Amino acid sequence: MIGGVALGLLVLAFDAFRAGTLLIGLALLAGAVLRRVLPSVGMLAVRSRFTDMATYGGLGFVIVMLALMIQPSPWLSLPFLDDIVHFTVR
């Protein structure tokens, strides 16, 4: 997981914003899956498994969704978000 985030940050440094952000989000989602399937993490377990899965999964999902909606030419368009932005920022 740390390697995936580091690779995403390296890609971000070379001006590939969408690809780097997707790598970071996918690395967090992979971390959530790994936390679920690995039986024990030893002395590193200071939080519960559910807390780690919820945090990594939630942040990973949000980062991937935002990476897909980056302007210009987004890969994913959600019409209700345009209405929310238009309503809040005039």
Protein backbone atom coordinates (compact mmCIF):
# COMPACT_ATOMS: atom_id res chain seq x y z
CA MET A 1 0.00 0.00 0.00
CA ILE A 2 2.74 2.47 0.88
CA GLY A 3 4.52 1.61 -2.35
CA GLY A 4 1.38 2.32 -4.37
CA VAL A 5 0.87 5.69 -2.71
CA ALA A 6 4.56 6.54 -3.24
CA LEU A 7 4.27 5.58 -6.92
CA GLY A 8 1.14 7.74 -7.22
CA LEU A 9 2.95 10.70 -5.67
CA LEU A 10 5.86 10.18 -8.07
CA VAL A 11 3.49 10.15 -11.03
CA LEU A 12 1.89 13.34 -9.65
CA ALA A 13 5.32 14.96 -9.56
CA PHE A 14 5.66 14.36 -13.31
CA ASP A 15 2.41 16.24 -14.13
CA ALA A 16 0.09 13.27 -14.65
CA PHE A 17 -2.49 14.42 -12.12
CA ARG A 18 -5.35 12.07 -13.00
CA ALA A 19 -3.16 8.95 -13.21
CA GLY A 20 -1.33 9.75 -9.98
CA THR A 21 -4.53 10.44 -8.09
CA LEU A 22 -6.08 7.21 -9.37
CA LEU A 23 -3.01 5.26 -8.22
CA ILE A 24 -3.27 6.75 -4.74
CA GLY A 25 -6.99 5.96 -4.47
CA LEU A 26 -6.54 2.41 -5.78
CA ALA A 27 -3.66 1.84 -3.34
CA LEU A 28 -5.93 2.84 -0.46
CA LEU A 29 -8.67 0.51 -1.71
CA ALA A 30 -6.10 -2.29 -1.98
CA GLY A 31 -5.04 -1.54 1.60
CA ALA A 32 -8.64 -1.96 2.76
CA VAL A 33 -8.89 -5.31 0.98
CA LEU A 34 -5.55 -6.48 2.36
CA ARG A 35 -6.57 -5.50 5.89
CA ARG A 36 -9.67 -7.64 5.47
CA VAL A 37 -7.99 -10.77 4.08
CA LEU A 38 -4.78 -10.84 6.11
CA PRO A 39 -5.31 -12.78 9.33
CA SER A 40 -3.08 -10.73 11.61
CA VAL A 41 -0.92 -7.65 11.44
CA GLY A 42 1.01 -8.30 14.65
CA MET A 43 2.21 -5.41 16.79
CA LEU A 44 1.07 -2.86 14.19
CA ALA A 45 -2.59 -3.43 15.11
CA VAL A 46 -3.44 -0.40 17.20
CA ARG A 47 -6.91 0.09 15.67
CA SER A 48 -9.66 -2.37 14.96
CA ARG A 49 -9.92 -4.11 11.60
CA PHE A 50 -13.25 -2.40 10.92
CA THR A 51 -11.77 1.07 11.54
CA ASP A 52 -8.91 0.43 9.13
CA MET A 53 -11.19 -1.00 6.45
CA ALA A 54 -13.70 1.84 6.75
CA THR A 55 -11.02 4.53 6.70
CA TYR A 56 -8.95 3.11 3.84
CA GLY A 57 -12.01 2.10 1.84
CA GLY A 58 -13.83 5.40 2.32
CA LEU A 59 -10.85 7.58 1.51
CA GLY A 60 -9.87 5.38 -1.43
CA PHE A 61 -13.39 5.52 -2.88
CA VAL A 62 -13.61 9.31 -2.54
CA ILE A 63 -10.17 9.84 -4.08
CA VAL A 64 -10.96 7.55 -7.03
CA MET A 65 -14.30 9.31 -7.63
CA LEU A 66 -12.65 12.73 -7.52
CA ALA A 67 -9.90 11.53 -9.88
CA LEU A 68 -12.53 10.39 -12.37
CA MET A 69 -14.25 13.81 -12.23
CA ILE A 70 -11.13 15.97 -12.68
CA GLN A 71 -11.60 18.76 -15.23
CA PRO A 72 -11.07 19.15 -18.20
CA SER A 73 -12.76 16.21 -19.93
CA PRO A 74 -13.86 14.18 -16.91
CA TRP A 75 -14.20 10.41 -17.31
CA LEU A 76 -17.24 10.42 -15.01
CA SER A 77 -19.96 13.05 -14.94
CA LEU A 78 -22.57 13.23 -12.19
CA PRO A 79 -25.26 15.80 -13.07
CA PHE A 80 -26.43 16.40 -9.50
CA LEU A 81 -22.93 17.58 -8.54
CA ASP A 82 -23.17 20.37 -11.11
CA ASP A 83 -26.41 21.50 -9.47
CA ILE A 84 -24.83 21.41 -6.00
CA VAL A 85 -21.83 23.46 -7.13
CA HIS A 86 -24.07 25.93 -8.96
CA PHE A 87 -26.25 26.30 -5.86
CA THR A 88 -23.37 26.74 -3.38
CA VAL A 89 -20.96 28.82 -5.50
CA ARG A 90 -22.61 31.66 -7.35
